[in-house]
Amino acid sequence: MAQQKPQPATGSGILDAVPLFVVLLLAAHVLALVFWMYKLASEKQPPRRKTQ
């Protein structure tokens, strides 16, 4: 039978929080990208003048 070694308690809380931190960081970037695209799309464009 396989014996499981006990993991040291030092730093395990930080290592458990890393995936959550990565997901939150990714979500923040996605929200910022969506907000930037919305702002860019809703920006009023200056009227174009045709030069002849």
Protein backbone atom coordinates (compact mmCIF):
# COMPACT_ATOMS: atom_id res chain seq x y z
CA MET A 1 0.00 0.00 0.00
CA ALA A 2 1.12 3.53 -0.73
CA GLN A 3 2.03 5.62 2.25
CA GLN A 4 1.07 9.29 2.12
CA LYS A 5 3.64 11.68 3.51
CA PRO A 6 2.28 14.52 5.65
CA GLN A 7 2.76 17.87 3.95
CA PRO A 8 4.44 20.66 5.90
CA ALA A 9 2.00 23.31 7.12
CA THR A 10 4.31 26.21 6.33
CA GLY A 11 3.16 28.12 3.26
CA SER A 12 0.31 25.77 2.40
CA GLY A 13 -2.23 28.58 2.89
CA ILE A 14 -0.39 30.75 0.37
CA LEU A 15 -0.17 27.92 -2.15
CA ASP A 16 -3.89 27.20 -1.75
CA ALA A 17 -4.70 30.85 -2.52
CA VAL A 18 -2.66 31.02 -5.75
CA PRO A 19 -5.34 29.54 -8.08
CA LEU A 20 -7.97 31.88 -6.62
CA PHE A 21 -5.64 34.85 -7.11
CA VAL A 22 -5.01 33.83 -10.74
CA VAL A 23 -8.75 33.50 -11.42
CA LEU A 24 -9.48 36.89 -9.83
CA LEU A 25 -6.67 38.53 -11.82
CA LEU A 26 -7.95 36.99 -15.05
CA ALA A 27 -11.52 38.11 -14.30
CA ALA A 28 -10.31 41.66 -13.61
CA HIS A 29 -8.49 41.78 -16.95
CA VAL A 30 -11.52 40.45 -18.83
CA LEU A 31 -13.77 43.06 -17.19
CA ALA A 32 -11.27 45.81 -18.02
CA LEU A 33 -11.14 44.65 -21.65
CA VAL A 34 -14.95 44.60 -21.93
CA PHE A 35 -15.18 48.06 -20.35
CA TRP A 36 -12.53 49.40 -22.73
CA MET A 37 -14.34 47.95 -25.75
CA TYR A 38 -17.66 49.43 -24.57
CA LYS A 39 -16.06 52.82 -24.02
CA LEU A 40 -14.42 52.71 -27.44
CA ALA A 41 -17.65 51.68 -29.17
CA SER A 42 -19.78 54.31 -27.43
CA GLU A 43 -17.31 57.12 -28.06
CA LYS A 44 -18.79 59.81 -30.27
CA GLN A 45 -16.92 60.03 -33.54
CA PRO A 46 -16.23 63.48 -35.05
CA PRO A 47 -18.09 64.05 -38.32
CA ARG A 48 -16.04 63.31 -41.41
CA ARG A 49 -15.64 65.90 -44.12
CA LYS A 50 -15.08 64.90 -47.68
CA THR A 51 -12.31 66.89 -49.32
CA GLN A 52 -12.46 67.20 -53.06
